[in-house]
Amino acid sequence: MDDQRGIHNINCPFIFASNPQFIFHNSPGFKAGDESQLLKVQSFIKERARVTDCNQQLHAIWFCLKLDKTRFMLDLEQRFFSEDCVGNAPVIAILTKFDDLISQVYDIRLDYNKNRKNAETKRKELEALLFSYKSPPRAGVYVEDIHNNHGNHQEQVEVLIKKTAESLDDLSLKMLFVSIQQNNLELCIEYAVK
């Protein structure tokens, strides 16, 4: 898998056949340093914050950041978290490529578990930096081995779904979010009891 950017239009939703109630919007991101992309994302968020139709509202923002010890956040990503532009939608930071971070901190004198522990320490440092901004995310998760078939994808998605549910303030919205998680009975039961 390479780091090439895809072509994305934030106004065109992704709707999955397996769960048509779960609608995603994807932006091209800020990698190229194109300020117009940040402005498009901010405009999209503001527009969705003003609509009254629940189907058109933005309920949560999943913001992906690559774990990189040399340059964790780009200037435009720093601006996103420095400006109050998300309205009522909670931001959940998804820290990607933890497996790459292990390689970045790798010390040949140490075994894999020690190197993994060092990467965990570095991830926590980067996460602390992220949560120090004026408008930090409400939650954060990290993922690894997404590009490999042997990764624990289901467990990572479950953590993301749970963190998203925990980040929602509105009880009705939280119940709606949990109810569309048809394949996560455990989460549905947990929030039904709460």
C-alpha atoms as a PDB file:
ATOM      1  CA  MET A   1       0.000   0.000   0.000  1.00  0.00           C
ATOM      2  CA  ASP A   2       1.363   3.433  -0.857  1.00  0.00           C
ATOM      3  CA  ASP A   3       0.730   6.931   0.464  1.00  0.00           C
ATOM      4  CA  GLN A   4      -0.839   8.306  -2.706  1.00  0.00           C
ATOM      5  CA  ARG A   5      -3.842  10.505  -2.100  1.00  0.00           C
ATOM      6  CA  GLY A   6      -7.141   9.491  -3.602  1.00  0.00           C
ATOM      7  CA  ILE A   7      -9.642  11.827  -5.168  1.00  0.00           C
ATOM      8  CA  HIS A   8     -12.338  12.682  -2.647  1.00  0.00           C
ATOM      9  CA  ASN A   9     -15.242  15.106  -2.642  1.00  0.00           C
ATOM     10  CA  ILE A  10     -16.482  15.840   0.860  1.00  0.00           C
ATOM     11  CA  ASN A  11     -19.966  16.568  -0.480  1.00  0.00           C
ATOM     12  CA  CYS A  12     -20.387  13.087  -1.996  1.00  0.00           C
ATOM     13  CA  PRO A  13     -21.370  10.582   0.698  1.00  0.00           C
ATOM     14  CA  PHE A  14     -20.302   6.955   0.949  1.00  0.00           C
ATOM     15  CA  ILE A  15     -23.173   4.657   1.815  1.00  0.00           C
ATOM     16  CA  PHE A  16     -22.369   1.046   2.545  1.00  0.00           C
ATOM     17  CA  ALA A  17     -24.763  -1.692   1.462  1.00  0.00           C
ATOM     18  CA  SER A  18     -24.034  -3.602   4.675  1.00  0.00           C
ATOM     19  CA  ASN A  19     -25.253  -0.678   6.808  1.00  0.00           C
ATOM     20  CA  PRO A  20     -27.036   1.996   4.731  1.00  0.00           C
ATOM     21  CA  GLN A  21     -27.824   4.135   7.781  1.00  0.00           C
ATOM     22  CA  PHE A  22     -24.122   4.784   8.332  1.00  0.00           C
ATOM     23  CA  ILE A  23     -23.111   7.561   5.937  1.00  0.00           C
ATOM     24  CA  PHE A  24     -19.533   8.776   5.517  1.00  0.00           C
ATOM     25  CA  HIS A  25     -18.056  11.868   3.880  1.00  0.00           C
ATOM     26  CA  ASN A  26     -14.360  11.880   3.029  1.00  0.00           C
ATOM     27  CA  SER A  27     -12.133  14.849   2.306  1.00  0.00           C
ATOM     28  CA  PRO A  28      -8.801  14.789   0.453  1.00  0.00           C
ATOM     29  CA  GLY A  29      -7.069  15.798   3.672  1.00  0.00           C
ATOM     30  CA  PHE A  30      -4.379  18.400   4.131  1.00  0.00           C
ATOM     31  CA  LYS A  31      -1.219  16.553   3.040  1.00  0.00           C
ATOM     32  CA  ALA A  32      -0.482  18.789   0.095  1.00  0.00           C
ATOM     33  CA  GLY A  33      -0.639  21.945   2.252  1.00  0.00           C
ATOM     34  CA  ASP A  34      -3.515  23.283   0.172  1.00  0.00           C
ATOM     35  CA  GLU A  35      -5.334  25.758   2.431  1.00  0.00           C
ATOM     36  CA  SER A  36      -8.411  25.537   0.199  1.00  0.00           C
ATOM     37  CA  GLN A  37      -8.893  21.953   1.448  1.00  0.00           C
ATOM     38  CA  LEU A  38      -9.002  23.139   5.063  1.00  0.00           C
ATOM     39  CA  LEU A  39     -11.466  25.869   4.118  1.00  0.00           C
ATOM     40  CA  LYS A  40     -13.678  23.334   2.282  1.00  0.00           C
ATOM     41  CA  VAL A  41     -13.727  21.052   5.317  1.00  0.00           C
ATOM     42  CA  GLN A  42     -14.496  23.934   7.675  1.00  0.00           C
ATOM     43  CA  SER A  43     -17.250  25.185   5.361  1.00  0.00           C
ATOM     44  CA  PHE A  44     -18.766  21.692   5.114  1.00  0.00           C
ATOM     45  CA  ILE A  45     -18.781  21.360   8.906  1.00  0.00           C
ATOM     46  CA  LYS A  46     -20.384  24.797   9.363  1.00  0.00           C
ATOM     47  CA  GLU A  47     -23.050  24.062   6.736  1.00  0.00           C
ATOM     48  CA  ARG A  48     -23.932  20.740   8.356  1.00  0.00           C
ATOM     49  CA  ALA A  49     -24.071  22.382  11.806  1.00  0.00           C
ATOM     50  CA  ARG A  50     -26.784  24.779  10.555  1.00  0.00           C
ATOM     51  CA  VAL A  51     -29.153  22.231   8.998  1.00  0.00           C
ATOM     52  CA  THR A  52     -32.164  21.061  10.965  1.00  0.00           C
ATOM     53  CA  ASP A  53     -32.786  17.795   9.092  1.00  0.00           C
ATOM     54  CA  CYS A  54     -31.150  15.036  11.159  1.00  0.00           C
ATOM     55  CA  ASN A  55     -30.283  13.134   7.971  1.00  0.00           C
ATOM     56  CA  GLN A  56     -28.153  16.044   6.753  1.00  0.00           C
ATOM     57  CA  GLN A  57     -26.435  16.847  10.035  1.00  0.00           C
ATOM     58  CA  LEU A  58     -22.874  15.905  10.817  1.00  0.00           C
ATOM     59  CA  HIS A  59     -22.877  13.743  13.949  1.00  0.00           C
ATOM     60  CA  ALA A  60     -19.201  12.884  14.388  1.00  0.00           C
ATOM     61  CA  ILE A  61     -15.884  13.584  12.687  1.00  0.00           C
ATOM     62  CA  TRP A  62     -13.273  10.870  12.307  1.00  0.00           C
ATOM     63  CA  PHE A  63      -9.988  12.716  11.734  1.00  0.00           C
ATOM     64  CA  CYS A  64      -7.095  10.534  10.567  1.00  0.00           C
ATOM     65  CA  LEU A  65      -3.532  11.439  11.499  1.00  0.00           C
ATOM     66  CA  LYS A  66      -0.493   9.395  10.553  1.00  0.00           C
ATOM     67  CA  LEU A  67       1.737   8.511  13.487  1.00  0.00           C
ATOM     68  CA  ASP A  68       5.096   9.959  12.511  1.00  0.00           C
ATOM     69  CA  LYS A  69       7.744  10.796  15.079  1.00  0.00           C
ATOM     70  CA  THR A  70       9.421  13.411  12.866  1.00  0.00           C
ATOM     71  CA  ARG A  71       6.329  15.326  11.748  1.00  0.00           C
ATOM     72  CA  PHE A  72       3.168  14.241  13.470  1.00  0.00           C
ATOM     73  CA  MET A  73       0.866  17.077  12.429  1.00  0.00           C
ATOM     74  CA  LEU A  74       0.943  19.215   9.325  1.00  0.00           C
ATOM     75  CA  ASP A  75       0.416  22.981   9.608  1.00  0.00           C
ATOM     76  CA  LEU A  76      -3.176  22.768   8.360  1.00  0.00           C
ATOM     77  CA  GLU A  77      -3.966  19.926  10.765  1.00  0.00           C
ATOM     78  CA  GLN A  78      -2.612  22.070  13.594  1.00  0.00           C
ATOM     79  CA  ARG A  79      -4.871  24.904  12.427  1.00  0.00           C
ATOM     80  CA  PHE A  80      -7.887  22.589  12.379  1.00  0.00           C
ATOM     81  CA  PHE A  81      -7.346  21.770  16.057  1.00  0.00           C
ATOM     82  CA  SER A  82      -6.438  25.363  16.948  1.00  0.00           C
ATOM     83  CA  GLU A  83      -9.629  26.879  15.566  1.00  0.00           C
ATOM     84  CA  ASP A  84     -13.104  26.239  16.909  1.00  0.00           C
ATOM     85  CA  CYS A  85     -14.724  24.991  13.715  1.00  0.00           C
ATOM     86  CA  VAL A  86     -16.437  21.690  14.463  1.00  0.00           C
ATOM     87  CA  GLY A  87     -19.751  22.883  15.862  1.00  0.00           C
ATOM     88  CA  ASN A  88     -21.475  20.202  17.935  1.00  0.00           C
ATOM     89  CA  ALA A  89     -19.901  17.243  16.159  1.00  0.00           C
ATOM     90  CA  PRO A  90     -17.280  15.503  18.309  1.00  0.00           C
ATOM     91  CA  VAL A  91     -13.938  14.798  16.685  1.00  0.00           C
ATOM     92  CA  ILE A  92     -12.452  11.354  17.164  1.00  0.00           C
ATOM     93  CA  ALA A  93      -8.793  11.218  16.190  1.00  0.00           C
ATOM     94  CA  ILE A  94      -7.741   8.052  14.391  1.00  0.00           C
ATOM     95  CA  LEU A  95      -3.991   7.688  14.691  1.00  0.00           C
ATOM     96  CA  THR A  96      -2.958   5.530  11.767  1.00  0.00           C
ATOM     97  CA  LYS A  97       0.070   3.388  10.950  1.00  0.00           C
ATOM     98  CA  PHE A  98       1.132   2.445  14.455  1.00  0.00           C
ATOM     99  CA  ASP A  99       3.076  -0.389  12.826  1.00  0.00           C
ATOM    100  CA  ASP A 100       5.139   2.231  10.965  1.00  0.00           C
ATOM    101  CA  LEU A 101       5.812   4.045  14.240  1.00  0.00           C
ATOM    102  CA  ILE A 102       7.286   0.824  15.639  1.00  0.00           C
ATOM    103  CA  SER A 103       9.697   0.815  12.669  1.00  0.00           C
ATOM    104  CA  GLN A 104      10.557   4.484  13.241  1.00  0.00           C
ATOM    105  CA  VAL A 105      11.609   3.943  16.861  1.00  0.00           C
ATOM    106  CA  TYR A 106      13.101   0.493  16.245  1.00  0.00           C
ATOM    107  CA  ASP A 107      16.346  -0.237  18.051  1.00  0.00           C
ATOM    108  CA  ILE A 108      18.115  -3.415  16.881  1.00  0.00           C
ATOM    109  CA  ARG A 109      19.500  -3.971  20.397  1.00  0.00           C
ATOM    110  CA  LEU A 110      15.958  -4.469  21.731  1.00  0.00           C
ATOM    111  CA  ASP A 111      13.437  -7.236  21.165  1.00  0.00           C
ATOM    112  CA  TYR A 112      10.101  -6.642  19.459  1.00  0.00           C
ATOM    113  CA  ASN A 113       8.152  -6.170  22.714  1.00  0.00           C
ATOM    114  CA  LYS A 114      10.555  -3.479  23.967  1.00  0.00           C
ATOM    115  CA  ASN A 115      10.410  -1.725  20.599  1.00  0.00           C
ATOM    116  CA  ARG A 116       6.608  -1.894  20.682  1.00  0.00           C
ATOM    117  CA  LYS A 117       6.636  -0.428  24.198  1.00  0.00           C
ATOM    118  CA  ASN A 118       8.871   2.417  22.988  1.00  0.00           C
ATOM    119  CA  ALA A 119       6.422   3.056  20.138  1.00  0.00           C
ATOM    120  CA  GLU A 120       3.552   3.093  22.670  1.00  0.00           C
ATOM    121  CA  THR A 121       5.420   5.715  24.694  1.00  0.00           C
ATOM    122  CA  LYS A 122       5.986   7.822  21.568  1.00  0.00           C
ATOM    123  CA  ARG A 123       2.312   7.438  20.544  1.00  0.00           C
ATOM    124  CA  LYS A 124       1.227   8.673  23.970  1.00  0.00           C
ATOM    125  CA  GLU A 125       3.540  11.701  23.633  1.00  0.00           C
ATOM    126  CA  LEU A 126       2.071  12.531  20.212  1.00  0.00           C
ATOM    127  CA  GLU A 127      -1.453  11.981  21.517  1.00  0.00           C
ATOM    128  CA  ALA A 128      -0.777  14.338  24.457  1.00  0.00           C
ATOM    129  CA  LEU A 129       0.375  16.977  21.973  1.00  0.00           C
ATOM    130  CA  LEU A 130      -2.829  16.522  19.967  1.00  0.00           C
ATOM    131  CA  PHE A 131      -5.003  16.863  23.073  1.00  0.00           C
ATOM    132  CA  SER A 132      -3.197  20.077  24.092  1.00  0.00           C
ATOM    133  CA  TYR A 133      -4.723  22.149  21.259  1.00  0.00           C
ATOM    134  CA  LYS A 134      -7.492  24.712  21.782  1.00  0.00           C
ATOM    135  CA  SER A 135     -10.067  22.443  20.096  1.00  0.00           C
ATOM    136  CA  PRO A 136      -8.814  18.918  20.807  1.00  0.00           C
ATOM    137  CA  PRO A 137     -10.601  15.757  19.760  1.00  0.00           C
ATOM    138  CA  ARG A 138     -12.983  14.192  22.269  1.00  0.00           C
ATOM    139  CA  ALA A 139     -11.363  10.804  21.885  1.00  0.00           C
ATOM    140  CA  GLY A 140      -8.518   9.071  20.148  1.00  0.00           C
ATOM    141  CA  VAL A 141      -7.832   5.591  18.870  1.00  0.00           C
ATOM    142  CA  TYR A 142      -4.877   4.113  17.059  1.00  0.00           C
ATOM    143  CA  VAL A 143      -4.838   1.494  14.354  1.00  0.00           C
ATOM    144  CA  GLU A 144      -2.218  -0.786  12.898  1.00  0.00           C
ATOM    145  CA  ASP A 145      -1.839  -3.384  10.185  1.00  0.00           C
ATOM    146  CA  ILE A 146      -4.887  -2.055   8.349  1.00  0.00           C
ATOM    147  CA  HIS A 147      -3.291  -2.957   5.024  1.00  0.00           C
ATOM    148  CA  ASN A 148      -2.572  -6.555   6.105  1.00  0.00           C
ATOM    149  CA  ASN A 149      -5.126  -9.353   6.037  1.00  0.00           C
ATOM    150  CA  HIS A 150      -3.826 -10.695   9.342  1.00  0.00           C
ATOM    151  CA  GLY A 151      -4.551  -7.492  11.296  1.00  0.00           C
ATOM    152  CA  ASN A 152      -7.128  -7.385  14.084  1.00  0.00           C
ATOM    153  CA  HIS A 153      -9.401  -5.105  12.084  1.00  0.00           C
ATOM    154  CA  GLN A 154     -12.668  -6.050  13.781  1.00  0.00           C
ATOM    155  CA  GLU A 155     -11.301  -5.281  17.255  1.00  0.00           C
ATOM    156  CA  GLN A 156      -9.926  -1.931  16.075  1.00  0.00           C
ATOM    157  CA  VAL A 157     -13.248  -0.974  14.479  1.00  0.00           C
ATOM    158  CA  GLU A 158     -15.085  -1.951  17.671  1.00  0.00           C
ATOM    159  CA  VAL A 159     -12.829   0.378  19.699  1.00  0.00           C
ATOM    160  CA  LEU A 160     -13.491   3.185  17.211  1.00  0.00           C
ATOM    161  CA  ILE A 161     -17.263   2.632  17.354  1.00  0.00           C
ATOM    162  CA  LYS A 162     -17.223   2.552  21.156  1.00  0.00           C
ATOM    163  CA  LYS A 163     -15.122   5.738  21.406  1.00  0.00           C
ATOM    164  CA  THR A 164     -17.465   7.421  18.935  1.00  0.00           C
ATOM    165  CA  ALA A 165     -20.523   6.438  20.997  1.00  0.00           C
ATOM    166  CA  GLU A 166     -18.847   7.688  24.181  1.00  0.00           C
ATOM    167  CA  SER A 167     -18.093  11.025  22.473  1.00  0.00           C
ATOM    168  CA  LEU A 168     -21.689  11.790  21.545  1.00  0.00           C
ATOM    169  CA  ASP A 169     -23.334  14.168  24.046  1.00  0.00           C
ATOM    170  CA  ASP A 170     -26.918  13.970  22.854  1.00  0.00           C
ATOM    171  CA  LEU A 171     -28.638  10.880  24.308  1.00  0.00           C
ATOM    172  CA  SER A 172     -31.040  10.500  21.351  1.00  0.00           C
ATOM    173  CA  LEU A 173     -28.169  10.722  18.899  1.00  0.00           C
ATOM    174  CA  LYS A 174     -26.135   8.246  20.954  1.00  0.00           C
ATOM    175  CA  MET A 175     -29.051   5.780  20.930  1.00  0.00           C
ATOM    176  CA  LEU A 176     -29.521   6.281  17.176  1.00  0.00           C
ATOM    177  CA  PHE A 177     -25.806   5.690  16.576  1.00  0.00           C
ATOM    178  CA  VAL A 178     -25.791   2.575  18.726  1.00  0.00           C
ATOM    179  CA  SER A 179     -28.961   1.216  17.101  1.00  0.00           C
ATOM    180  CA  ILE A 180     -27.417   1.286  13.629  1.00  0.00           C
ATOM    181  CA  GLN A 181     -24.553  -0.859  14.871  1.00  0.00           C
ATOM    182  CA  GLN A 182     -26.403  -3.988  13.820  1.00  0.00           C
ATOM    183  CA  ASN A 183     -23.301  -6.152  13.975  1.00  0.00           C
ATOM    184  CA  ASN A 184     -22.260  -4.993  17.452  1.00  0.00           C
ATOM    185  CA  LEU A 185     -24.826  -6.514  19.791  1.00  0.00           C
ATOM    186  CA  GLU A 186     -22.549  -6.020  22.797  1.00  0.00           C
ATOM    187  CA  LEU A 187     -22.486  -2.241  22.283  1.00  0.00           C
ATOM    188  CA  CYS A 188     -26.264  -2.119  21.747  1.00  0.00           C
ATOM    189  CA  ILE A 189     -26.850  -3.960  25.043  1.00  0.00           C
ATOM    190  CA  GLU A 190     -24.340  -1.813  26.924  1.00  0.00           C
ATOM    191  CA  TYR A 191     -26.029   1.437  25.911  1.00  0.00           C
ATOM    192  CA  ALA A 192     -29.549   0.028  26.368  1.00  0.00           C
ATOM    193  CA  VAL A 193     -28.645  -0.707  29.999  1.00  0.00           C
ATOM    194  CA  LYS A 194     -27.054   2.744  30.493  1.00  0.00           C
END
